[in-house]
Amino acid sequence: MTADRPITIDTVALWFPDDEVTVAGLPELDELPIAQREHALSLGIDTVRIGIGLCETDLAQAAAEEALGQSGLDASQLDALLLVQGRVPQYLLASESTRLQHRLGASQAFTTGVGDLGCVSVSAAFTLATALLRGDPRCRNVLVVAAAKTPTRSRYRSPMTLLGDGAAAVLLTTSGTGRYELVDQMIRSDGKYADLFRIDYRDVREADWVETCADEPTYSFRLAVESRKRFTEINGELLARNGLQQDAIGVFLMQNLSVGAFAFWQEALDITIDPVCGENLARFGHLGSVDVAANLERVAPSQRPGDYCVIMNSSPVAAWSSALLRRLPDPPRDGV
């Protein structure tokens, strides 16, 4: 990324449904084979939020309105609105992103959806937001909104995690103020794993939809080795082209899958994953593209101005991303 027009993360807003259940109390776990039930209970997830009667657009709207309220912007002042699309839209052919635009009243915003990379879709949205902010002098702000809503009856995604519901909205600007500067980002993908995880929905009742891993050994071993190689390369290039060594990074964050995944990545990459990731995992489960936003917002108060942070994100489609951020000074309080 070029030095002109630095991109800053002005606001991160999170929204979760009020209904909270313990993982041990989820009725679908009783339907699992014993080995899978024990695995689900060992992931490091204690509770999840459940958006009963809510669709992804409802969750996205709530987070977006919270972000607008925090930033003091009216929706009509948004220059761009990017919706990180869920894996299962409410309707085929319809537009989820413009539905959100209409609900918010963001009538002047360039609006589109960004999806198809699983959890890494939010990273793709940041890349598009950066291109808009850097490439169009009239574009001063972009709101990126992501929502996580479990698409099937079961929240357990074998063999990796357990899903919760929630949403996040991130306002990116060129104002020079905010919590973080988005210094640089890299994304890579590999189509060999494009349908490793899938839901067969044609000629299948929605009540019978099941998330399926086509080949669990490929996910658990082959993709794990590939991901270690990818992150080693991505992180090395990301830091090198910004003149940094790994020991200059104060915080490493990832998406939240399981305590076992955190342990694997810490050993594989010789890093320490910040504890806020495990804390959010325990409280909310896996939230897809929402995870990295939730972790970033949670860790911000512990960082000092100038501190660097790397956020690593991956999905089993497969795609990988790493973003380099720099903590900015908090704006002065009134009268201070």
Foldseek 3Di string as FASTA:
>chain_A
DDPPLFKWFADKFKWAAPAKDFPVPQVVLVVDDPVQSVLQVAQLATMATADVPDDQLNQQLVQVVVRCVVVVHQLCPAAAEEEADDPDDPDPPDASFVVSCVVRVNVNYHTDYFYLAWLCSLVVVVVVQVCCQVVDVVHFKYKYKYWFHDQASAQDDPPWWGAHTIMMIIMMGSPPDHFKTFPDKDKDDDQVQQVQWDWDDVVDDSNPTDIDGPDRVCVVPVVLVVVLVVCLVQVVVVQVVVVHDPVQAPAEEEFATGPVVQVSCCVSVVHHHDCLLSVCCHRHMGTINCRQSSSCVVCRVVDDAQHKYKYWYFDSSTMIMITIMGTHDHDDDPPD
